[in-house]
Amino acid sequence: MKCFTFLTVMLLSNAIVMAQTKNGFTLTGKVIGQDTGFIRLNYIDENGISLHDTTRLENGTFSFSGFIKEPTDATIITNNR
């Protein structure tokens, strides 16, 4: 598995904040150079519980949704095939 660079994680963490709705967030993105595989998002939810959500890359794109009370750190990890 390949961990995105610190800068990418920080940018995507900001995307979570910017994409918040009243009670939740949606994070979408595209991985350049990888069309298939899986991508994992690790973050702390609105109840303070550490979550590890996984989704499939389709044509390099992905989407996550969830609920957080305030901006939080997140880590995105992908497998590199």
C-alpha atoms as a PDB file:
ATOM      1  CA  MET A   1       0.000   0.000   0.000  1.00  0.00           C
ATOM      2  CA  LYS A   2       1.191   3.456  -0.803  1.00  0.00           C
ATOM      3  CA  CYS A   3       0.561   6.333   1.568  1.00  0.00           C
ATOM      4  CA  PHE A   4      -0.088   9.705  -0.049  1.00  0.00           C
ATOM      5  CA  THR A   5       2.351  12.455   0.769  1.00  0.00           C
ATOM      6  CA  PHE A   6       1.759  14.690   3.771  1.00  0.00           C
ATOM      7  CA  LEU A   7       0.802  17.596   1.513  1.00  0.00           C
ATOM      8  CA  THR A   8      -1.856  15.558  -0.281  1.00  0.00           C
ATOM      9  CA  VAL A   9      -3.353  14.422   3.016  1.00  0.00           C
ATOM     10  CA  MET A  10      -3.476  17.997   4.268  1.00  0.00           C
ATOM     11  CA  LEU A  11      -5.160  19.179   1.058  1.00  0.00           C
ATOM     12  CA  LEU A  12      -7.731  16.393   1.195  1.00  0.00           C
ATOM     13  CA  SER A  13      -8.341  17.047   4.889  1.00  0.00           C
ATOM     14  CA  ASN A  14      -9.187  20.614   3.921  1.00  0.00           C
ATOM     15  CA  ALA A  15     -11.506  19.262   1.228  1.00  0.00           C
ATOM     16  CA  ILE A  16     -13.450  17.450   3.955  1.00  0.00           C
ATOM     17  CA  VAL A  17     -13.962  20.729   5.784  1.00  0.00           C
ATOM     18  CA  MET A  18     -14.983  22.550   2.610  1.00  0.00           C
ATOM     19  CA  ALA A  19     -17.450  19.818   1.589  1.00  0.00           C
ATOM     20  CA  GLN A  20     -19.319  19.714   4.894  1.00  0.00           C
ATOM     21  CA  THR A  21     -23.072  19.919   4.933  1.00  0.00           C
ATOM     22  CA  LYS A  22     -25.126  20.617   8.052  1.00  0.00           C
ATOM     23  CA  ASN A  23     -24.391  17.218   9.609  1.00  0.00           C
ATOM     24  CA  GLY A  24     -21.875  15.529   7.352  1.00  0.00           C
ATOM     25  CA  PHE A  25     -19.297  15.610   4.614  1.00  0.00           C
ATOM     26  CA  THR A  26     -18.640  14.155   1.200  1.00  0.00           C
ATOM     27  CA  LEU A  27     -15.081  13.744  -0.012  1.00  0.00           C
ATOM     28  CA  THR A  28     -14.506  12.988  -3.692  1.00  0.00           C
ATOM     29  CA  GLY A  29     -11.288  12.851  -5.641  1.00  0.00           C
ATOM     30  CA  LYS A  30      -9.251  11.307  -8.434  1.00  0.00           C
ATOM     31  CA  VAL A  31      -6.040   9.286  -8.181  1.00  0.00           C
ATOM     32  CA  ILE A  32      -3.845  10.021 -11.178  1.00  0.00           C
ATOM     33  CA  GLY A  33      -2.089   6.979 -12.592  1.00  0.00           C
ATOM     34  CA  GLN A  34      -4.315   4.389 -10.896  1.00  0.00           C
ATOM     35  CA  ASP A  35      -7.724   3.531 -12.384  1.00  0.00           C
ATOM     36  CA  THR A  36      -8.659   0.539 -10.209  1.00  0.00           C
ATOM     37  CA  GLY A  37      -8.025  -0.760  -6.724  1.00  0.00           C
ATOM     38  CA  PHE A  38      -9.112   0.383  -3.302  1.00  0.00           C
ATOM     39  CA  ILE A  39      -8.621   3.537  -1.282  1.00  0.00           C
ATOM     40  CA  ARG A  40      -8.990   3.878   2.492  1.00  0.00           C
ATOM     41  CA  LEU A  41      -9.900   6.916   4.587  1.00  0.00           C
ATOM     42  CA  ASN A  42      -9.018   6.976   8.295  1.00  0.00           C
ATOM     43  CA  TYR A  43     -10.552   9.695  10.505  1.00  0.00           C
ATOM     44  CA  ILE A  44     -12.288  10.389  13.837  1.00  0.00           C
ATOM     45  CA  ASP A  45     -16.103  10.590  13.542  1.00  0.00           C
ATOM     46  CA  GLU A  46     -18.535  12.870  15.394  1.00  0.00           C
ATOM     47  CA  ASN A  47     -18.590  10.484  18.389  1.00  0.00           C
ATOM     48  CA  GLY A  48     -14.794  10.428  18.736  1.00  0.00           C
ATOM     49  CA  ILE A  49     -14.513   6.942  17.238  1.00  0.00           C
ATOM     50  CA  SER A  50     -11.643   6.136  14.870  1.00  0.00           C
ATOM     51  CA  LEU A  51     -13.099   4.984  11.545  1.00  0.00           C
ATOM     52  CA  HIS A  52     -11.449   3.146   8.668  1.00  0.00           C
ATOM     53  CA  ASP A  53     -13.620   3.416   5.549  1.00  0.00           C
ATOM     54  CA  THR A  54     -12.722   1.722   2.257  1.00  0.00           C
ATOM     55  CA  THR A  55     -14.073   2.301  -1.251  1.00  0.00           C
ATOM     56  CA  ARG A  56     -13.270   1.045  -4.730  1.00  0.00           C
ATOM     57  CA  LEU A  57     -11.543   3.239  -7.305  1.00  0.00           C
ATOM     58  CA  GLU A  58     -13.591   3.471 -10.494  1.00  0.00           C
ATOM     59  CA  ASN A  59     -11.754   5.120 -13.396  1.00  0.00           C
ATOM     60  CA  GLY A  60      -9.449   6.590 -10.761  1.00  0.00           C
ATOM     61  CA  THR A  61     -12.259   8.363  -8.889  1.00  0.00           C
ATOM     62  CA  PHE A  62     -13.497   7.802  -5.339  1.00  0.00           C
ATOM     63  CA  SER A  63     -16.065   9.179  -2.914  1.00  0.00           C
ATOM     64  CA  PHE A  64     -16.490   8.991   0.879  1.00  0.00           C
ATOM     65  CA  SER A  65     -19.323  10.326   3.056  1.00  0.00           C
ATOM     66  CA  GLY A  66     -19.584  10.587   6.816  1.00  0.00           C
ATOM     67  CA  PHE A  67     -20.287  12.766   9.821  1.00  0.00           C
ATOM     68  CA  ILE A  68     -17.878  14.871  11.870  1.00  0.00           C
ATOM     69  CA  LYS A  69     -18.507  17.595  14.466  1.00  0.00           C
ATOM     70  CA  GLU A  70     -15.560  19.761  13.467  1.00  0.00           C
ATOM     71  CA  PRO A  71     -12.517  19.720  11.189  1.00  0.00           C
ATOM     72  CA  THR A  72     -10.413  16.633  11.837  1.00  0.00           C
ATOM     73  CA  ASP A  73      -7.197  15.063  10.617  1.00  0.00           C
ATOM     74  CA  ALA A  74      -7.576  12.350   8.011  1.00  0.00           C
ATOM     75  CA  THR A  75      -5.298   9.897   6.266  1.00  0.00           C
ATOM     76  CA  ILE A  76      -5.876   8.488   2.789  1.00  0.00           C
ATOM     77  CA  ILE A  77      -4.134   5.279   1.762  1.00  0.00           C
ATOM     78  CA  THR A  78      -4.289   3.448  -1.565  1.00  0.00           C
ATOM     79  CA  ASN A  79      -2.972   0.160  -2.831  1.00  0.00           C
ATOM     80  CA  ASN A  80      -0.719   0.654  -5.835  1.00  0.00           C
ATOM     81  CA  ARG A  81      -1.087  -2.096  -8.442  1.00  0.00           C
END
